[in-house]
Structures are given as structure tokens and as C-alpha cells.
Protein backbone atom coordinates (compact mmCIF):
# COMPACT_ATOMS: atom_id res chain seq x y z
CA MET A 1 25.36 14.51 163.04
CA VAL A 2 26.98 17.67 164.44
CA THR A 3 28.76 15.64 167.07
CA GLN A 4 30.36 13.37 164.28
CA ILE A 5 31.39 16.33 162.31
CA LEU A 6 33.12 17.85 165.35
CA VAL A 7 34.81 14.56 166.18
CA ILE A 8 36.10 14.27 162.62
CA GLN A 9 37.36 17.91 162.64
CA THR A 10 39.10 17.32 166.07
CA ILE A 11 40.78 14.14 164.90
CA SER A 12 41.88 15.92 161.65
CA ASN A 13 43.29 18.73 163.64
CA ILE A 14 45.21 16.43 165.88
CA ILE A 15 46.63 14.48 162.90
CA HIS A 16 47.52 17.88 161.05
CA THR A 17 49.21 19.21 164.11
CA SER A 18 51.19 16.02 164.82
CA ILE A 19 52.44 15.74 161.19
CA ARG A 20 53.51 19.50 161.27
CA MET A 21 55.41 18.84 164.67
CA VAL A 22 57.22 15.80 163.26
CA PHE A 23 58.32 17.77 160.23
CA ARG A 24 59.33 20.77 162.20
CA TYR A 25 61.38 18.82 164.80
CA SER A 26 62.86 16.50 162.09
CA ASN A 27 64.67 19.58 160.69
CA LYS A 28 66.24 20.30 164.03
CA LEU A 29 67.24 16.67 164.45
CA PHE A 30 68.22 15.55 161.01
CA ARG A 31 69.57 18.64 159.10
CA PRO A 32 73.01 18.37 160.58
CA TYR A 33 73.05 14.72 160.00
CA PRO A 34 76.37 14.00 158.15
CA LEU A 35 75.15 10.91 156.19
CA CYS A 36 72.20 12.56 154.26
CA HIS A 37 72.47 15.72 152.06
CA SER A 38 68.96 16.77 153.49
CA ARG A 39 68.14 18.78 150.36
CA PRO A 40 64.69 20.33 150.53
CA ASP A 41 64.09 19.67 146.98
CA ARG A 42 64.61 16.04 147.61
CA ALA A 43 62.82 15.74 150.88
CA LEU A 44 59.31 15.15 151.70
CA SER A 45 57.14 18.18 152.55
CA TYR A 46 53.92 18.89 154.24
CA LYS A 47 52.22 22.33 153.96
CA GLY A 48 55.50 24.05 153.43
CA GLN A 49 57.46 22.12 156.03
CA TYR A 50 60.29 19.87 154.82
CA PHE A 51 61.30 16.70 156.59
CA GLY A 52 64.86 16.67 157.84
CA LEU A 53 66.06 13.72 155.68
CA CYS A 54 65.83 13.26 152.04
CA ALA A 55 63.20 11.01 150.48
CA ARG A 56 65.63 8.09 149.90
CA CYS A 57 67.07 8.18 153.41
CA THR A 58 63.56 8.46 154.90
CA GLY A 59 62.55 5.27 153.15
CA MET A 60 65.80 3.61 153.93
CA TYR A 61 65.82 4.25 157.72
CA THR A 62 62.08 3.51 157.85
CA SER A 63 62.30 0.14 156.23
CA GLY A 64 65.72 -0.59 157.94
CA ILE A 65 64.22 -0.19 161.37
CA LEU A 66 61.11 -2.09 160.63
CA THR A 67 63.15 -4.96 159.18
CA LEU A 68 65.35 -5.13 162.24
CA ILE A 69 62.08 -5.42 164.38
CA MET A 70 60.82 -8.15 161.90
CA MET A 71 64.18 -9.97 162.10
CA VAL A 72 63.30 -10.98 165.72
CA PHE A 73 60.49 -13.06 164.35
CA TRP A 74 61.89 -14.54 161.09
CA ALA A 75 65.62 -14.35 161.28
CA ARG A 76 65.82 -18.14 162.00
CA SER A 77 64.01 -18.91 158.82
CA LEU A 78 66.62 -17.12 156.62
CA SER A 79 69.74 -18.86 155.70
CA PRO A 80 72.79 -16.43 155.63
CA GLY A 81 73.33 -17.15 151.85
CA THR A 82 69.73 -16.40 150.99
CA SER A 83 69.88 -13.19 153.13
CA ILE A 84 73.01 -12.01 151.55
CA LEU A 85 71.70 -12.83 148.00
CA VAL A 86 68.15 -11.16 148.49
CA GLY A 87 69.84 -8.18 150.28
CA SER A 88 72.33 -7.54 147.49
CA LEU A 89 69.51 -7.81 144.86
CA LEU A 90 67.39 -5.19 146.85
CA LEU A 91 70.40 -2.77 146.70
CA ILE A 92 70.46 -2.62 142.95
CA PRO A 93 67.50 -0.36 142.22
CA SER A 94 68.69 2.34 144.56
CA GLY A 95 72.11 2.12 143.07
CA ILE A 96 70.85 2.44 139.46
CA ASP A 97 68.54 5.30 140.51
CA GLY A 98 71.33 7.24 142.43
CA THR A 99 73.96 6.64 139.81
CA THR A 100 71.91 7.67 136.78
CA GLN A 101 70.72 10.78 138.71
CA LEU A 102 74.33 11.59 139.80
CA PHE A 103 75.69 11.47 136.36
CA GLY A 104 72.90 13.66 134.94
CA GLU A 105 71.20 10.91 132.89
CA ARG A 106 67.80 12.01 134.34
CA GLU A 107 66.22 13.41 137.42
CA SER A 108 64.71 11.07 140.01
CA THR A 109 61.33 11.75 141.71
CA ASN A 110 60.63 11.63 145.44
CA SER A 111 58.14 8.67 144.93
CA LEU A 112 60.94 6.73 143.30
CA ARG A 113 63.48 7.76 145.80
CA ILE A 114 61.20 6.55 148.65
CA PHE A 115 60.56 3.32 146.85
CA THR A 116 64.18 2.62 146.29
CA GLY A 117 65.03 3.66 149.73
CA LEU A 118 62.58 1.32 151.12
CA LEU A 119 64.29 -1.53 149.26
CA LEU A 120 67.80 -0.28 150.20
CA GLY A 121 66.92 -0.36 153.90
CA VAL A 122 65.59 -3.95 153.84
CA GLY A 123 68.69 -4.95 151.59
CA VAL A 124 71.22 -3.49 153.99
CA VAL A 125 69.77 -5.19 157.07
CA LEU A 126 69.48 -8.47 155.28
CA MET A 127 73.01 -8.22 153.97
CA ALA A 128 74.34 -7.27 157.38
CA TYR A 129 72.52 -10.07 158.92
CA GLY A 130 73.95 -12.60 156.53
CA VAL A 131 77.55 -11.43 156.55
CA SER A 132 77.58 -11.02 160.40
CA TYR A 133 76.09 -14.52 160.87
CA LEU A 134 78.69 -16.11 158.60
CA VAL A 135 81.50 -14.06 160.27
CA LEU A 136 80.50 -14.91 163.87
CA THR A 137 79.95 -18.61 163.11
CA THR A 138 83.25 -18.81 161.42
CA LEU A 139 85.17 -17.17 164.31
CA PHE A 140 83.37 -19.09 167.13
């Protein structure tokens, strides 16, 4: 029983230290990033440490990278037209959320920013795939 508790505490400490390290180094890596405002009030935080990207960009880059990896497996099953259509539909929620927040209609939450960012990342990759496929097949 004591051994199990020690193992759980050790694993918990490793996870805690890893998360804090990711958040600390993300500030050094992403804070000067020109394509994200990186405002701390709109970033994810863990025990007082803020992540270097805002919540929406965190979701967007995470889902974008995962979608690029997944495209290796299912890119052939998507037609360019479907890819562009689905991609453009996935951009709409983020556009609505960001625009209504920009014009002061309401204040978004980090949970909503992450969700719309996740959709945005997938949408951008799908649209880029569809458009580049059509352009390349037209040219060559």
C-alpha cells in the first residue's frame, strides 16, 4: 500500500514538473511570436504559469499539426471539393467568436477559444489541402 502511494506521488510529481516546464519554456519560445497576441488573460495557465500562445492559437496549432499527421492516412479518401467545403465550414465558428469579441458584443472564454481554435486548425489544413490539390492538378 505504501509503495503504491509512493509510486502515485512520484508519477504526480513528474507530471507536475513536466507541465510547469512546458509552460515556462513556451513563454520563451512563443511570446515573441508575431502571429499571436499571447495575452496572458487569454492564455492557458497552470499554477500561475501562462502558456506562450493564446487559447485559440494553442487549439489551432495543436489540431492543425494533428490533422497534418492524419492526412497521411486519409488524404486519398477526401475529394478536394469536400475538403474545401468542410474546411470552410469549420472556419465559421472561430470567425464568429473572434469577430463578436473584437467588436465588443461579448467576451469569449478560454474554453470556447480552444474549441473554436481546434475547429480552425482542422479547417485551415483541409482548405489548404483542397486548394493546393486543385491548383497542382490544374497546373500539371
